[in-house]
């Protein structure tokens, strides 16, 4: 059975990939650069920093 920490990690990475997709779509459809970079920054946060923090501190 999956622990709550594992579920939060999976959810965080899943959300991060959606944000990467949004950043790419924003870039492709020539949306403002601020939107593209904001989506990208949050994607990096959700894919890397949150799972690593969960692994090192909670698990």
C-alpha atoms as a PDB file:
ATOM      1  CA  UNK A   1       0.000   0.000   0.000  1.00  0.00           C
ATOM      2  CA  UNK A   2       1.198   3.503  -0.774  1.00  0.00           C
ATOM      3  CA  UNK A   3       2.042   5.807   2.078  1.00  0.00           C
ATOM      4  CA  UNK A   4       0.735   9.387   2.204  1.00  0.00           C
ATOM      5  CA  UNK A   5       4.245  10.708   1.475  1.00  0.00           C
ATOM      6  CA  UNK A   6       4.441   8.553  -1.656  1.00  0.00           C
ATOM      7  CA  UNK A   7       1.025   9.778  -2.795  1.00  0.00           C
ATOM      8  CA  UNK A   8       2.079  13.416  -2.275  1.00  0.00           C
ATOM      9  CA  UNK A   9       5.249  12.783  -4.287  1.00  0.00           C
ATOM     10  CA  UNK A  10       3.338  11.175  -7.144  1.00  0.00           C
ATOM     11  CA  UNK A  11       0.777  13.983  -7.124  1.00  0.00           C
ATOM     12  CA  UNK A  12       3.466  16.647  -7.091  1.00  0.00           C
ATOM     13  CA  UNK A  13       5.303  15.153 -10.067  1.00  0.00           C
ATOM     14  CA  UNK A  14       2.016  14.645 -11.933  1.00  0.00           C
ATOM     15  CA  UNK A  15       1.073  18.295 -11.385  1.00  0.00           C
ATOM     16  CA  UNK A  16       4.576  19.371 -12.404  1.00  0.00           C
ATOM     17  CA  UNK A  17       4.274  17.610 -15.744  1.00  0.00           C
ATOM     18  CA  UNK A  18       0.950  19.353 -16.361  1.00  0.00           C
ATOM     19  CA  UNK A  19       2.667  22.662 -15.622  1.00  0.00           C
ATOM     20  CA  UNK A  20       5.484  21.810 -18.060  1.00  0.00           C
ATOM     21  CA  UNK A  21       2.832  21.084 -20.677  1.00  0.00           C
ATOM     22  CA  UNK A  22       1.153  24.399 -19.916  1.00  0.00           C
ATOM     23  CA  UNK A  23       4.459  26.250 -20.211  1.00  0.00           C
ATOM     24  CA  UNK A  24       5.143  24.637 -23.572  1.00  0.00           C
ATOM     25  CA  UNK A  25       1.630  25.418 -24.820  1.00  0.00           C
ATOM     26  CA  UNK A  26       1.993  28.988 -23.592  1.00  0.00           C
ATOM     27  CA  UNK A  27       5.244  29.323 -25.526  1.00  0.00           C
ATOM     28  CA  UNK A  28       3.787  27.679 -28.646  1.00  0.00           C
ATOM     29  CA  UNK A  29       0.726  29.930 -28.730  1.00  0.00           C
ATOM     30  CA  UNK A  30       2.881  33.046 -28.212  1.00  0.00           C
ATOM     31  CA  UNK A  31       1.382  33.969 -24.851  1.00  0.00           C
ATOM     32  CA  UNK A  32       3.191  36.519 -22.650  1.00  0.00           C
ATOM     33  CA  UNK A  33       6.660  35.471 -21.565  1.00  0.00           C
ATOM     34  CA  UNK A  34       5.824  36.127 -17.934  1.00  0.00           C
ATOM     35  CA  UNK A  35       3.127  33.427 -18.071  1.00  0.00           C
ATOM     36  CA  UNK A  36       5.459  30.942 -19.744  1.00  0.00           C
ATOM     37  CA  UNK A  37       8.274  31.497 -17.236  1.00  0.00           C
ATOM     38  CA  UNK A  38       5.911  31.408 -14.271  1.00  0.00           C
ATOM     39  CA  UNK A  39       4.447  28.077 -15.365  1.00  0.00           C
ATOM     40  CA  UNK A  40       7.953  26.748 -15.972  1.00  0.00           C
ATOM     41  CA  UNK A  41       9.177  27.887 -12.551  1.00  0.00           C
ATOM     42  CA  UNK A  42       6.264  26.216 -10.778  1.00  0.00           C
ATOM     43  CA  UNK A  43       6.804  23.067 -12.856  1.00  0.00           C
ATOM     44  CA  UNK A  44      10.419  22.863 -11.716  1.00  0.00           C
ATOM     45  CA  UNK A  45       9.285  23.406  -8.141  1.00  0.00           C
ATOM     46  CA  UNK A  46       6.708  20.608  -8.281  1.00  0.00           C
ATOM     47  CA  UNK A  47       8.911  18.120 -10.156  1.00  0.00           C
ATOM     48  CA  UNK A  48      12.153  18.580  -8.248  1.00  0.00           C
ATOM     49  CA  UNK A  49      12.083  20.542  -5.020  1.00  0.00           C
ATOM     50  CA  UNK A  50       8.897  19.227  -3.424  1.00  0.00           C
ATOM     51  CA  UNK A  51       9.654  15.493  -3.977  1.00  0.00           C
ATOM     52  CA  UNK A  52      13.249  15.902  -2.777  1.00  0.00           C
ATOM     53  CA  UNK A  53      12.088  17.806   0.296  1.00  0.00           C
ATOM     54  CA  UNK A  54       9.526  15.119   1.065  1.00  0.00           C
ATOM     55  CA  UNK A  55      12.135  12.391   0.652  1.00  0.00           C
ATOM     56  CA  UNK A  56      14.752  14.038   2.834  1.00  0.00           C
ATOM     57  CA  UNK A  57      12.652  15.499   5.623  1.00  0.00           C
ATOM     58  CA  UNK A  58       9.524  13.390   6.013  1.00  0.00           C
ATOM     59  CA  UNK A  59      10.418   9.915   4.738  1.00  0.00           C
END
